[in-house]
Amino acid sequence: MAKNYRLTGIPAWALSLIALFVLFIPLFLLDNSKNEAFQIGGYILCIFISSLASFVICRAHPKSVLYTPIIINALGVIAIIVYFFTDLSEISEVLFWGISMTLSFTGAVMGARIGRKRIN
């Protein structure tokens, strides 16, 4: 018997946008920080939040596995595109967004698999 989640009533794209806006908060705080340890911890927190959000959303909506990580990491997609066409000196930003997108897609696939098992 499939368990109903509260999240199943909200569309996956809306949940992904909510997760994107939640990620704005630590990223905005990191932009103004001078402490490198705080920045590294904040980036790790952002990666964790994005991958966890992808997992939870795709567990509730298994068919959204392709677009949920892209919406959640929309800032990263834009940053990587801008990076390749402008400044090639800041590789750490691309590395951060690349890891974030990779782990988000991994979390989305795992969540979709678990979600499909619960539905069937």
PDB file of N, CA and C in Angstrom:
ATOM      1  N   MET A   1       0.841  -1.181   0.000  1.00  0.00           N
ATOM      2  CA  MET A   1       0.000   0.000   0.000  1.00  0.00           C
ATOM      3  C   MET A   1       0.882   1.240   0.000  1.00  0.00           C
ATOM      4  N   ALA A   2       0.609   2.149  -0.882  1.00  0.00           N
ATOM      5  CA  ALA A   2       1.411   3.361  -1.005  1.00  0.00           C
ATOM      6  C   ALA A   2       1.053   4.350   0.096  1.00  0.00           C
ATOM      7  N   LYS A   3       2.087   4.951   0.629  1.00  0.00           N
ATOM      8  CA  LYS A   3       1.890   5.935   1.679  1.00  0.00           C
ATOM      9  C   LYS A   3       1.763   7.320   1.046  1.00  0.00           C
ATOM     10  N   ASN A   4       0.765   8.069   1.451  1.00  0.00           N
ATOM     11  CA  ASN A   4       0.595   9.425   0.935  1.00  0.00           C
ATOM     12  C   ASN A   4       1.453  10.386   1.739  1.00  0.00           C
ATOM     13  N   TYR A   5       2.165  11.222   1.034  1.00  0.00           N
ATOM     14  CA  TYR A   5       2.972  12.251   1.652  1.00  0.00           C
ATOM     15  C   TYR A   5       2.252  13.581   1.520  1.00  0.00           C
ATOM     16  N   ARG A   6       2.587  14.496   2.380  1.00  0.00           N
ATOM     17  CA  ARG A   6       2.031  15.844   2.245  1.00  0.00           C
ATOM     18  C   ARG A   6       2.540  16.508   0.975  1.00  0.00           C
ATOM     19  N   LEU A   7       3.724  16.112   0.558  1.00  0.00           N
ATOM     20  CA  LEU A   7       4.334  16.741  -0.608  1.00  0.00           C
ATOM     21  C   LEU A   7       3.690  16.324  -1.920  1.00  0.00           C
ATOM     22  N   THR A   8       2.926  15.255  -1.925  1.00  0.00           N
ATOM     23  CA  THR A   8       2.328  14.804  -3.183  1.00  0.00           C
ATOM     24  C   THR A   8       1.249  15.756  -3.682  1.00  0.00           C
ATOM     25  N   GLY A   9       0.707  16.579  -2.815  1.00  0.00           N
ATOM     26  CA  GLY A   9      -0.307  17.541  -3.233  1.00  0.00           C
ATOM     27  C   GLY A   9       0.273  18.782  -3.886  1.00  0.00           C
ATOM     28  N   ILE A  10       1.555  19.026  -3.685  1.00  0.00           N
ATOM     29  CA  ILE A  10       2.226  20.194  -4.260  1.00  0.00           C
ATOM     30  C   ILE A  10       3.008  19.727  -5.484  1.00  0.00           C
ATOM     31  N   PRO A  11       2.914  20.432  -6.606  1.00  0.00           N
ATOM     32  CA  PRO A  11       3.660  20.003  -7.797  1.00  0.00           C
ATOM     33  C   PRO A  11       5.174  20.027  -7.559  1.00  0.00           C
ATOM     34  N   ALA A  12       5.871  19.152  -8.260  1.00  0.00           N
ATOM     35  CA  ALA A  12       7.318  19.031  -8.081  1.00  0.00           C
ATOM     36  C   ALA A  12       8.047  20.307  -8.484  1.00  0.00           C
ATOM     37  N   TRP A  13       7.574  20.991  -9.522  1.00  0.00           N
ATOM     38  CA  TRP A  13       8.255  22.215  -9.944  1.00  0.00           C
ATOM     39  C   TRP A  13       8.138  23.293  -8.872  1.00  0.00           C
ATOM     40  N   ALA A  14       7.007  23.335  -8.166  1.00  0.00           N
ATOM     41  CA  ALA A  14       6.835  24.331  -7.102  1.00  0.00           C
ATOM     42  C   ALA A  14       7.745  24.007  -5.916  1.00  0.00           C
ATOM     43  N   LEU A  15       7.851  22.740  -5.576  1.00  0.00           N
ATOM     44  CA  LEU A  15       8.758  22.347  -4.498  1.00  0.00           C
ATOM     45  C   LEU A  15      10.212  22.642  -4.865  1.00  0.00           C
ATOM     46  N   SER A  16      10.549  22.449  -6.132  1.00  0.00           N
ATOM     47  CA  SER A  16      11.911  22.740  -6.588  1.00  0.00           C
ATOM     48  C   SER A  16      12.212  24.232  -6.509  1.00  0.00           C
ATOM     49  N   LEU A  17      11.244  25.057  -6.862  1.00  0.00           N
ATOM     50  CA  LEU A  17      11.441  26.507  -6.749  1.00  0.00           C
ATOM     51  C   LEU A  17      11.571  26.939  -5.293  1.00  0.00           C
ATOM     52  N   ILE A  18      10.809  26.317  -4.409  1.00  0.00           N
ATOM     53  CA  ILE A  18      10.939  26.622  -2.981  1.00  0.00           C
ATOM     54  C   ILE A  18      12.341  26.263  -2.496  1.00  0.00           C
ATOM     55  N   ALA A  19      12.838  25.102  -2.913  1.00  0.00           N
ATOM     56  CA  ALA A  19      14.192  24.698  -2.523  1.00  0.00           C
ATOM     57  C   ALA A  19      15.236  25.656  -3.085  1.00  0.00           C
ATOM     58  N   LEU A  20      15.022  26.132  -4.302  1.00  0.00           N
ATOM     59  CA  LEU A  20      15.948  27.102  -4.896  1.00  0.00           C
ATOM     60  C   LEU A  20      15.991  28.381  -4.069  1.00  0.00           C
ATOM     61  N   PHE A  21      14.834  28.880  -3.662  1.00  0.00           N
ATOM     62  CA  PHE A  21      14.806  30.106  -2.871  1.00  0.00           C
ATOM     63  C   PHE A  21      15.362  29.891  -1.468  1.00  0.00           C
ATOM     64  N   VAL A  22      15.213  28.683  -0.927  1.00  0.00           N
ATOM     65  CA  VAL A  22      15.831  28.379   0.371  1.00  0.00           C
ATOM     66  C   VAL A  22      17.351  28.400   0.237  1.00  0.00           C
ATOM     67  N   LEU A  23      17.869  27.968  -0.899  1.00  0.00           N
ATOM     68  CA  LEU A  23      19.316  27.987  -1.121  1.00  0.00           C
ATOM     69  C   LEU A  23      19.865  29.401  -1.304  1.00  0.00           C
ATOM     70  N   PHE A  24      19.011  30.347  -1.667  1.00  0.00           N
ATOM     71  CA  PHE A  24      19.468  31.734  -1.792  1.00  0.00           C
ATOM     72  C   PHE A  24      20.008  32.273  -0.473  1.00  0.00           C
ATOM     73  N   ILE A  25      19.418  31.869   0.635  1.00  0.00           N
ATOM     74  CA  ILE A  25      19.776  32.430   1.942  1.00  0.00           C
ATOM     75  C   ILE A  25      21.231  32.128   2.307  1.00  0.00           C
ATOM     76  N   PRO A  26      21.664  30.853   2.350  1.00  0.00           N
ATOM     77  CA  PRO A  26      23.073  30.637   2.699  1.00  0.00           C
ATOM     78  C   PRO A  26      24.038  31.163   1.642  1.00  0.00           C
ATOM     79  N   LEU A  27      23.639  31.117   0.368  1.00  0.00           N
ATOM     80  CA  LEU A  27      24.536  31.635  -0.661  1.00  0.00           C
ATOM     81  C   LEU A  27      24.701  33.145  -0.547  1.00  0.00           C
ATOM     82  N   PHE A  28      23.650  33.844  -0.182  1.00  0.00           N
ATOM     83  CA  PHE A  28      23.745  35.287   0.020  1.00  0.00           C
ATOM     84  C   PHE A  28      24.634  35.603   1.217  1.00  0.00           C
ATOM     85  N   LEU A  29      24.492  34.823   2.284  1.00  0.00           N
ATOM     86  CA  LEU A  29      25.331  35.034   3.461  1.00  0.00           C
ATOM     87  C   LEU A  29      26.790  34.707   3.173  1.00  0.00           C
ATOM     88  N   LEU A  30      27.028  33.706   2.337  1.00  0.00           N
ATOM     89  CA  LEU A  30      28.400  33.333   2.001  1.00  0.00           C
ATOM     90  C   LEU A  30      29.087  34.387   1.155  1.00  0.00           C
ATOM     91  N   ASP A  31      28.320  35.084   0.358  1.00  0.00           N
ATOM     92  CA  ASP A  31      28.892  36.094  -0.522  1.00  0.00           C
ATOM     93  C   ASP A  31      29.497  37.245   0.274  1.00  0.00           C
ATOM     94  N   ASN A  32      28.946  37.532   1.434  1.00  0.00           N
ATOM     95  CA  ASN A  32      29.419  38.651   2.246  1.00  0.00           C
ATOM     96  C   ASN A  32      30.401  38.240   3.335  1.00  0.00           C
ATOM     97  N   SER A  33      30.725  36.963   3.433  1.00  0.00           N
ATOM     98  CA  SER A  33      31.584  36.478   4.504  1.00  0.00           C
ATOM     99  C   SER A  33      33.055  36.594   4.126  1.00  0.00           C
ATOM    100  N   LYS A  34      33.871  36.908   5.125  1.00  0.00           N
ATOM    101  CA  LYS A  34      35.323  36.983   4.931  1.00  0.00           C
ATOM    102  C   LYS A  34      36.032  35.746   5.467  1.00  0.00           C
ATOM    103  N   ASN A  35      35.359  34.964   6.299  1.00  0.00           N
ATOM    104  CA  ASN A  35      35.942  33.789   6.923  1.00  0.00           C
ATOM    105  C   ASN A  35      35.874  32.605   5.952  1.00  0.00           C
ATOM    106  N   GLU A  36      37.033  32.037   5.607  1.00  0.00           N
ATOM    107  CA  GLU A  36      37.058  30.946   4.635  1.00  0.00           C
ATOM    108  C   GLU A  36      36.455  29.663   5.185  1.00  0.00           C
ATOM    109  N   ALA A  37      36.648  29.390   6.466  1.00  0.00           N
ATOM    110  CA  ALA A  37      36.063  28.182   7.060  1.00  0.00           C
ATOM    111  C   ALA A  37      34.537  28.265   7.034  1.00  0.00           C
ATOM    112  N   PHE A  38      33.999  29.446   7.284  1.00  0.00           N
ATOM    113  CA  PHE A  38      32.552  29.647   7.227  1.00  0.00           C
ATOM    114  C   PHE A  38      32.045  29.455   5.802  1.00  0.00           C
ATOM    115  N   GLN A  39      32.805  29.925   4.830  1.00  0.00           N
ATOM    116  CA  GLN A  39      32.398  29.766   3.431  1.00  0.00           C
ATOM    117  C   GLN A  39      32.400  28.296   3.017  1.00  0.00           C
ATOM    118  N   ILE A  40      33.420  27.558   3.399  1.00  0.00           N
ATOM    119  CA  ILE A  40      33.496  26.144   3.042  1.00  0.00           C
ATOM    120  C   ILE A  40      32.347  25.374   3.690  1.00  0.00           C
ATOM    121  N   GLY A  41      32.100  25.648   4.958  1.00  0.00           N
ATOM    122  CA  GLY A  41      30.979  25.004   5.645  1.00  0.00           C
ATOM    123  C   GLY A  41      29.644  25.359   5.014  1.00  0.00           C
ATOM    124  N   GLY A  42      29.505  26.595   4.595  1.00  0.00           N
ATOM    125  CA  GLY A  42      28.270  27.017   3.937  1.00  0.00           C
ATOM    126  C   GLY A  42      28.076  26.357   2.587  1.00  0.00           C
ATOM    127  N   TYR A  43      29.157  26.212   1.837  1.00  0.00           N
ATOM    128  CA  TYR A  43      29.051  25.532   0.547  1.00  0.00           C
ATOM    129  C   TYR A  43      28.676  24.060   0.737  1.00  0.00           C
ATOM    130  N   ILE A  44      29.255  23.427   1.741  1.00  0.00           N
ATOM    131  CA  ILE A  44      28.899  22.032   2.031  1.00  0.00           C
ATOM    132  C   ILE A  44      27.430  21.940   2.434  1.00  0.00           C
ATOM    133  N   LEU A  45      26.958  22.899   3.219  1.00  0.00           N
ATOM    134  CA  LEU A  45      25.549  22.935   3.609  1.00  0.00           C
ATOM    135  C   LEU A  45      24.645  23.097   2.387  1.00  0.00           C
ATOM    136  N   CYS A  46      25.031  23.948   1.456  1.00  0.00           N
ATOM    137  CA  CYS A  46      24.235  24.146   0.237  1.00  0.00           C
ATOM    138  C   CYS A  46      24.176  22.877  -0.602  1.00  0.00           C
ATOM    139  N   ILE A  47      25.295  22.184  -0.715  1.00  0.00           N
ATOM    140  CA  ILE A  47      25.313  20.927  -1.464  1.00  0.00           C
ATOM    141  C   ILE A  47      24.412  19.902  -0.787  1.00  0.00           C
ATOM    142  N   PHE A  48      24.480  19.838   0.532  1.00  0.00           N
ATOM    143  CA  PHE A  48      23.640  18.898   1.278  1.00  0.00           C
ATOM    144  C   PHE A  48      22.159  19.230   1.109  1.00  0.00           C
ATOM    145  N   ILE A  49      21.810  20.502   1.209  1.00  0.00           N
ATOM    146  CA  ILE A  49      20.409  20.914   1.072  1.00  0.00           C
ATOM    147  C   ILE A  49      19.885  20.596  -0.331  1.00  0.00           C
ATOM    148  N   SER A  50      20.675  20.887  -1.355  1.00  0.00           N
ATOM    149  CA  SER A  50      20.193  20.648  -2.718  1.00  0.00           C
ATOM    150  C   SER A  50      20.030  19.160  -3.013  1.00  0.00           C
ATOM    151  N   SER A  51      20.954  18.340  -2.537  1.00  0.00           N
ATOM    152  CA  SER A  51      20.813  16.901  -2.798  1.00  0.00           C
ATOM    153  C   SER A  51      19.684  16.294  -1.968  1.00  0.00           C
ATOM    154  N   LEU A  52      19.511  16.750  -0.739  1.00  0.00           N
ATOM    155  CA  LEU A  52      18.411  16.253   0.088  1.00  0.00           C
ATOM    156  C   LEU A  52      17.058  16.683  -0.477  1.00  0.00           C
ATOM    157  N   ALA A  53      16.976  17.914  -0.940  1.00  0.00           N
ATOM    158  CA  ALA A  53      15.721  18.391  -1.535  1.00  0.00           C
ATOM    159  C   ALA A  53      15.390  17.602  -2.799  1.00  0.00           C
ATOM    160  N   SER A  54      16.387  17.320  -3.617  1.00  0.00           N
ATOM    161  CA  SER A  54      16.149  16.518  -4.823  1.00  0.00           C
ATOM    162  C   SER A  54      15.653  15.127  -4.460  1.00  0.00           C
ATOM    163  N   PHE A  55      16.253  14.541  -3.440  1.00  0.00           N
ATOM    164  CA  PHE A  55      15.842  13.209  -3.004  1.00  0.00           C
ATOM    165  C   PHE A  55      14.393  13.203  -2.528  1.00  0.00           C
ATOM    166  N   VAL A  56      14.052  14.148  -1.660  1.00  0.00           N
ATOM    167  CA  VAL A  56      12.713  14.177  -1.071  1.00  0.00           C
ATOM    168  C   VAL A  56      11.649  14.479  -2.133  1.00  0.00           C
ATOM    169  N   ILE A  57      11.935  15.425  -3.006  1.00  0.00           N
ATOM    170  CA  ILE A  57      10.960  15.782  -4.041  1.00  0.00           C
ATOM    171  C   ILE A  57      10.756  14.621  -5.010  1.00  0.00           C
ATOM    172  N   CYS A  58      11.828  13.979  -5.418  1.00  0.00           N
ATOM    173  CA  CYS A  58      11.696  12.875  -6.373  1.00  0.00           C
ATOM    174  C   CYS A  58      11.147  11.618  -5.721  1.00  0.00           C
ATOM    175  N   ARG A  59      11.263  11.496  -4.416  1.00  0.00           N
ATOM    176  CA  ARG A  59      10.617  10.378  -3.733  1.00  0.00           C
ATOM    177  C   ARG A  59       9.102  10.550  -3.768  1.00  0.00           C
ATOM    178  N   ALA A  60       8.650  11.786  -3.610  1.00  0.00           N
ATOM    179  CA  ALA A  60       7.211  12.047  -3.656  1.00  0.00           C
ATOM    180  C   ALA A  60       6.687  12.111  -5.088  1.00  0.00           C
ATOM    181  N   HIS A  61       7.527  12.570  -6.020  1.00  0.00           N
ATOM    182  CA  HIS A  61       7.146  12.706  -7.437  1.00  0.00           C
ATOM    183  C   HIS A  61       8.214  12.030  -8.303  1.00  0.00           C
ATOM    184  N   PRO A  62       8.168  10.712  -8.464  1.00  0.00           N
ATOM    185  CA  PRO A  62       9.233  10.006  -9.193  1.00  0.00           C
ATOM    186  C   PRO A  62       9.402  10.431 -10.652  1.00  0.00           C
ATOM    187  N   LYS A  63       8.367  10.946 -11.281  1.00  0.00           N
ATOM    188  CA  LYS A  63       8.482  11.337 -12.689  1.00  0.00           C
ATOM    189  C   LYS A  63       9.231  12.650 -12.882  1.00  0.00           C
ATOM    190  N   SER A  64       9.524  13.346 -11.810  1.00  0.00           N
ATOM    191  CA  SER A  64      10.194  14.647 -11.914  1.00  0.00           C
ATOM    192  C   SER A  64      11.709  14.538 -11.798  1.00  0.00           C
ATOM    193  N   VAL A  65      12.241  13.360 -12.008  1.00  0.00           N
ATOM    194  CA  VAL A  65      13.669  13.128 -11.787  1.00  0.00           C
ATOM    195  C   VAL A  65      14.542  13.922 -12.761  1.00  0.00           C
ATOM    196  N   LEU A  66      14.048  14.261 -13.925  1.00  0.00           N
ATOM    197  CA  LEU A  66      14.875  14.961 -14.906  1.00  0.00           C
ATOM    198  C   LEU A  66      14.957  16.466 -14.678  1.00  0.00           C
ATOM    199  N   TYR A  67      13.890  17.072 -14.215  1.00  0.00           N
ATOM    200  CA  TYR A  67      13.916  18.531 -14.111  1.00  0.00           C
ATOM    201  C   TYR A  67      14.087  19.069 -12.693  1.00  0.00           C
ATOM    202  N   THR A  68      13.856  18.272 -11.686  1.00  0.00           N
ATOM    203  CA  THR A  68      13.991  18.763 -10.316  1.00  0.00           C
ATOM    204  C   THR A  68      15.414  19.218  -9.986  1.00  0.00           C
ATOM    205  N   PRO A  69      16.458  18.431 -10.262  1.00  0.00           N
ATOM    206  CA  PRO A  69      17.811  18.910  -9.945  1.00  0.00           C
ATOM    207  C   PRO A  69      18.221  20.141 -10.755  1.00  0.00           C
ATOM    208  N   ILE A  70      17.700  20.267 -11.961  1.00  0.00           N
ATOM    209  CA  ILE A  70      18.049  21.429 -12.779  1.00  0.00           C
ATOM    210  C   ILE A  70      17.421  22.693 -12.207  1.00  0.00           C
ATOM    211  N   ILE A  71      16.177  22.600 -11.757  1.00  0.00           N
ATOM    212  CA  ILE A  71      15.531  23.775 -11.163  1.00  0.00           C
ATOM    213  C   ILE A  71      16.212  24.150  -9.854  1.00  0.00           C
ATOM    214  N   ILE A  72      16.510  23.152  -9.028  1.00  0.00           N
ATOM    215  CA  ILE A  72      17.144  23.438  -7.741  1.00  0.00           C
ATOM    216  C   ILE A  72      18.521  24.066  -7.940  1.00  0.00           C
ATOM    217  N   ASN A  73      19.245  23.633  -8.945  1.00  0.00           N
ATOM    218  CA  ASN A  73      20.584  24.156  -9.210  1.00  0.00           C
ATOM    219  C   ASN A  73      20.594  25.150 -10.367  1.00  0.00           C
ATOM    220  N   ALA A  74      19.525  25.905 -10.520  1.00  0.00           N
ATOM    221  CA  ALA A  74      19.445  26.873 -11.619  1.00  0.00           C
ATOM    222  C   ALA A  74      20.565  27.905 -11.534  1.00  0.00           C
ATOM    223  N   LEU A  75      20.899  28.316 -10.330  1.00  0.00           N
ATOM    224  CA  LEU A  75      22.014  29.262 -10.174  1.00  0.00           C
ATOM    225  C   LEU A  75      23.317  28.650 -10.672  1.00  0.00           C
ATOM    226  N   GLY A  76      23.506  27.380 -10.403  1.00  0.00           N
ATOM    227  CA  GLY A  76      24.716  26.700 -10.844  1.00  0.00           C
ATOM    228  C   GLY A  76      24.795  26.559 -12.350  1.00  0.00           C
ATOM    229  N   VAL A  77      23.669  26.257 -12.969  1.00  0.00           N
ATOM    230  CA  VAL A  77      23.648  26.146 -14.426  1.00  0.00           C
ATOM    231  C   VAL A  77      24.016  27.486 -15.056  1.00  0.00           C
ATOM    232  N   ILE A  78      23.433  28.544 -14.541  1.00  0.00           N
ATOM    233  CA  ILE A  78      23.740  29.885 -15.057  1.00  0.00           C
ATOM    234  C   ILE A  78      25.197  30.249 -14.781  1.00  0.00           C
ATOM    235  N   ALA A  79      25.677  29.919 -13.579  1.00  0.00           N
ATOM    236  CA  ALA A  79      27.062  30.249 -13.223  1.00  0.00           C
ATOM    237  C   ALA A  79      28.062  29.521 -14.111  1.00  0.00           C
ATOM    238  N   ILE A  80      27.798  28.269 -14.421  1.00  0.00           N
ATOM    239  CA  ILE A  80      28.720  27.514 -15.275  1.00  0.00           C
ATOM    240  C   ILE A  80      28.708  28.061 -16.696  1.00  0.00           C
ATOM    241  N   ILE A  81      27.536  28.406 -17.203  1.00  0.00           N
ATOM    242  CA  ILE A  81      27.462  28.982 -18.551  1.00  0.00           C
ATOM    243  C   ILE A  81      28.212  30.307 -18.602  1.00  0.00           C
ATOM    244  N   VAL A  82      27.997  31.151 -17.617  1.00  0.00           N
ATOM    245  CA  VAL A  82      28.694  32.441 -17.577  1.00  0.00           C
ATOM    246  C   VAL A  82      30.194  32.233 -17.405  1.00  0.00           C
ATOM    247  N   TYR A  83      30.572  31.262 -16.597  1.00  0.00           N
ATOM    248  CA  TYR A  83      31.983  30.987 -16.349  1.00  0.00           C
ATOM    249  C   TYR A  83      32.712  30.632 -17.638  1.00  0.00           C
ATOM    250  N   PHE A  84      32.120  29.782 -18.442  1.00  0.00           N
ATOM    251  CA  PHE A  84      32.796  29.345 -19.654  1.00  0.00           C
ATOM    252  C   PHE A  84      32.887  30.436 -20.710  1.00  0.00           C
ATOM    253  N   PHE A  85      32.031  31.432 -20.643  1.00  0.00           N
ATOM    254  CA  PHE A  85      32.085  32.498 -21.639  1.00  0.00           C
ATOM    255  C   PHE A  85      32.815  33.746 -21.163  1.00  0.00           C
ATOM    256  N   THR A  86      33.151  33.818 -19.888  1.00  0.00           N
ATOM    257  CA  THR A  86      33.816  35.030 -19.392  1.00  0.00           C
ATOM    258  C   THR A  86      35.136  34.695 -18.721  1.00  0.00           C
ATOM    259  N   ASP A  87      35.124  34.582 -17.415  1.00  0.00           N
ATOM    260  CA  ASP A  87      36.342  34.479 -16.618  1.00  0.00           C
ATOM    261  C   ASP A  87      36.705  33.026 -16.361  1.00  0.00           C
ATOM    262  N   LEU A  88      37.915  32.657 -16.689  1.00  0.00           N
ATOM    263  CA  LEU A  88      38.368  31.292 -16.468  1.00  0.00           C
ATOM    264  C   LEU A  88      39.316  31.183 -15.271  1.00  0.00           C
ATOM    265  N   SER A  89      39.299  32.151 -14.371  1.00  0.00           N
ATOM    266  CA  SER A  89      40.239  32.139 -13.257  1.00  0.00           C
ATOM    267  C   SER A  89      39.667  31.523 -11.981  1.00  0.00           C
ATOM    268  N   GLU A  90      38.366  31.434 -11.846  1.00  0.00           N
ATOM    269  CA  GLU A  90      37.739  30.971 -10.602  1.00  0.00           C
ATOM    270  C   GLU A  90      37.170  29.563 -10.793  1.00  0.00           C
ATOM    271  N   ILE A  91      38.030  28.562 -10.719  1.00  0.00           N
ATOM    272  CA  ILE A  91      37.616  27.175 -10.945  1.00  0.00           C
ATOM    273  C   ILE A  91      36.863  26.607  -9.747  1.00  0.00           C
ATOM    274  N   SER A  92      37.041  27.167  -8.558  1.00  0.00           N
ATOM    275  CA  SER A  92      36.381  26.618  -7.371  1.00  0.00           C
ATOM    276  C   SER A  92      34.863  26.763  -7.448  1.00  0.00           C
ATOM    277  N   GLU A  93      34.372  27.825  -8.057  1.00  0.00           N
ATOM    278  CA  GLU A  93      32.924  27.997  -8.214  1.00  0.00           C
ATOM    279  C   GLU A  93      32.346  26.916  -9.122  1.00  0.00           C
ATOM    280  N   VAL A  94      33.020  26.646 -10.216  1.00  0.00           N
ATOM    281  CA  VAL A  94      32.545  25.615 -11.138  1.00  0.00           C
ATOM    282  C   VAL A  94      32.615  24.246 -10.471  1.00  0.00           C
ATOM    283  N   LEU A  95      33.651  24.016  -9.697  1.00  0.00           N
ATOM    284  CA  LEU A  95      33.773  22.755  -8.975  1.00  0.00           C
ATOM    285  C   LEU A  95      32.631  22.598  -7.972  1.00  0.00           C
ATOM    286  N   PHE A  96      32.323  23.665  -7.252  1.00  0.00           N
ATOM    287  CA  PHE A  96      31.213  23.633  -6.294  1.00  0.00           C
ATOM    288  C   PHE A  96      29.899  23.315  -6.987  1.00  0.00           C
ATOM    289  N   TRP A  97      29.595  24.030  -8.059  1.00  0.00           N
ATOM    290  CA  TRP A  97      28.318  23.808  -8.743  1.00  0.00           C
ATOM    291  C   TRP A  97      28.283  22.450  -9.430  1.00  0.00           C
ATOM    292  N   GLY A  98      29.410  21.989  -9.933  1.00  0.00           N
ATOM    293  CA  GLY A  98      29.453  20.665 -10.550  1.00  0.00           C
ATOM    294  C   GLY A  98      29.181  19.556  -9.546  1.00  0.00           C
ATOM    295  N   ILE A  99      29.794  19.661  -8.372  1.00  0.00           N
ATOM    296  CA  ILE A  99      29.545  18.677  -7.314  1.00  0.00           C
ATOM    297  C   ILE A  99      28.097  18.752  -6.857  1.00  0.00           C
ATOM    298  N   SER A 100      27.583  19.957  -6.718  1.00  0.00           N
ATOM    299  CA  SER A 100      26.199  20.131  -6.286  1.00  0.00           C
ATOM    300  C   SER A 100      25.227  19.493  -7.274  1.00  0.00           C
ATOM    301  N   MET A 101      25.442  19.717  -8.555  1.00  0.00           N
ATOM    302  CA  MET A 101      24.541  19.137  -9.555  1.00  0.00           C
ATOM    303  C   MET A 101      24.674  17.617  -9.614  1.00  0.00           C
ATOM    304  N   THR A 102      25.894  17.116  -9.494  1.00  0.00           N
ATOM    305  CA  THR A 102      26.098  15.670  -9.521  1.00  0.00           C
ATOM    306  C   THR A 102      25.394  14.993  -8.353  1.00  0.00           C
ATOM    307  N   LEU A 103      25.570  15.539  -7.161  1.00  0.00           N
ATOM    308  CA  LEU A 103      24.918  14.945  -5.996  1.00  0.00           C
ATOM    309  C   LEU A 103      23.401  15.139  -6.026  1.00  0.00           C
ATOM    310  N   SER A 104      22.942  16.237  -6.606  1.00  0.00           N
ATOM    311  CA  SER A 104      21.495  16.438  -6.738  1.00  0.00           C
ATOM    312  C   SER A 104      20.883  15.416  -7.684  1.00  0.00           C
ATOM    313  N   PHE A 105      21.547  15.172  -8.811  1.00  0.00           N
ATOM    314  CA  PHE A 105      21.038  14.155  -9.735  1.00  0.00           C
ATOM    315  C   PHE A 105      21.083  12.769  -9.098  1.00  0.00           C
ATOM    316  N   THR A 106      22.135  12.488  -8.337  1.00  0.00           N
ATOM    317  CA  THR A 106      22.218  11.202  -7.649  1.00  0.00           C
ATOM    318  C   THR A 106      21.088  11.058  -6.634  1.00  0.00           C
ATOM    319  N   GLY A 107      20.858  12.107  -5.852  1.00  0.00           N
ATOM    320  CA  GLY A 107      19.759  12.079  -4.887  1.00  0.00           C
ATOM    321  C   GLY A 107      18.406  11.956  -5.564  1.00  0.00           C
ATOM    322  N   ALA A 108      18.246  12.610  -6.705  1.00  0.00           N
ATOM    323  CA  ALA A 108      16.978  12.539  -7.432  1.00  0.00           C
ATOM    324  C   ALA A 108      16.720  11.129  -7.952  1.00  0.00           C
ATOM    325  N   VAL A 109      17.745  10.499  -8.487  1.00  0.00           N
ATOM    326  CA  VAL A 109      17.583   9.132  -9.003  1.00  0.00           C
ATOM    327  C   VAL A 109      17.272   8.166  -7.865  1.00  0.00           C
ATOM    328  N   MET A 110      17.980   8.314  -6.752  1.00  0.00           N
ATOM    329  CA  MET A 110      17.709   7.434  -5.608  1.00  0.00           C
ATOM    330  C   MET A 110      16.301   7.663  -5.060  1.00  0.00           C
ATOM    331  N   GLY A 111      15.891   8.915  -4.961  1.00  0.00           N
ATOM    332  CA  GLY A 111      14.546   9.221  -4.486  1.00  0.00           C
ATOM    333  C   GLY A 111      13.471   8.697  -5.418  1.00  0.00           C
ATOM    334  N   ALA A 112      13.710   8.796  -6.718  1.00  0.00           N
ATOM    335  CA  ALA A 112      12.735   8.294  -7.685  1.00  0.00           C
ATOM    336  C   ALA A 112      12.612   6.773  -7.602  1.00  0.00           C
ATOM    337  N   ARG A 113      13.726   6.101  -7.405  1.00  0.00           N
ATOM    338  CA  ARG A 113      13.667   4.638  -7.275  1.00  0.00           C
ATOM    339  C   ARG A 113      12.880   4.227  -6.038  1.00  0.00           C
ATOM    340  N   ILE A 114      13.147   4.891  -4.936  1.00  0.00           N
ATOM    341  CA  ILE A 114      12.414   4.573  -3.706  1.00  0.00           C
ATOM    342  C   ILE A 114      10.944   4.954  -3.860  1.00  0.00           C
ATOM    343  N   GLY A 115      10.683   6.085  -4.494  1.00  0.00           N
ATOM    344  CA  GLY A 115       9.303   6.510  -4.711  1.00  0.00           C
ATOM    345  C   GLY A 115       8.530   5.559  -5.600  1.00  0.00           C
ATOM    346  N   ARG A 116       9.183   5.033  -6.622  1.00  0.00           N
ATOM    347  CA  ARG A 116       8.507   4.069  -7.505  1.00  0.00           C
ATOM    348  C   ARG A 116       8.201   2.773  -6.775  1.00  0.00           C
ATOM    349  N   LYS A 117       9.107   2.351  -5.896  1.00  0.00           N
ATOM    350  CA  LYS A 117       8.858   1.126  -5.131  1.00  0.00           C
ATOM    351  C   LYS A 117       7.679   1.304  -4.187  1.00  0.00           C
ATOM    352  N   ARG A 118       7.547   2.489  -3.615  1.00  0.00           N
ATOM    353  CA  ARG A 118       6.444   2.731  -2.684  1.00  0.00           C
ATOM    354  C   ARG A 118       5.115   2.850  -3.408  1.00  0.00           C
ATOM    355  N   ILE A 119       5.144   3.346  -4.632  1.00  0.00           N
ATOM    356  CA  ILE A 119       3.901   3.479  -5.392  1.00  0.00           C
ATOM    357  C   ILE A 119       3.409   2.109  -5.844  1.00  0.00           C
ATOM    358  N   ASN A 120       4.348   1.261  -6.270  1.00  0.00           N
ATOM    359  CA  ASN A 120       3.963  -0.082  -6.769  1.00  0.00           C
ATOM    360  C   ASN A 120       3.680  -1.022  -5.670  1.00  0.00           C
TER     361      ASN A 120
END
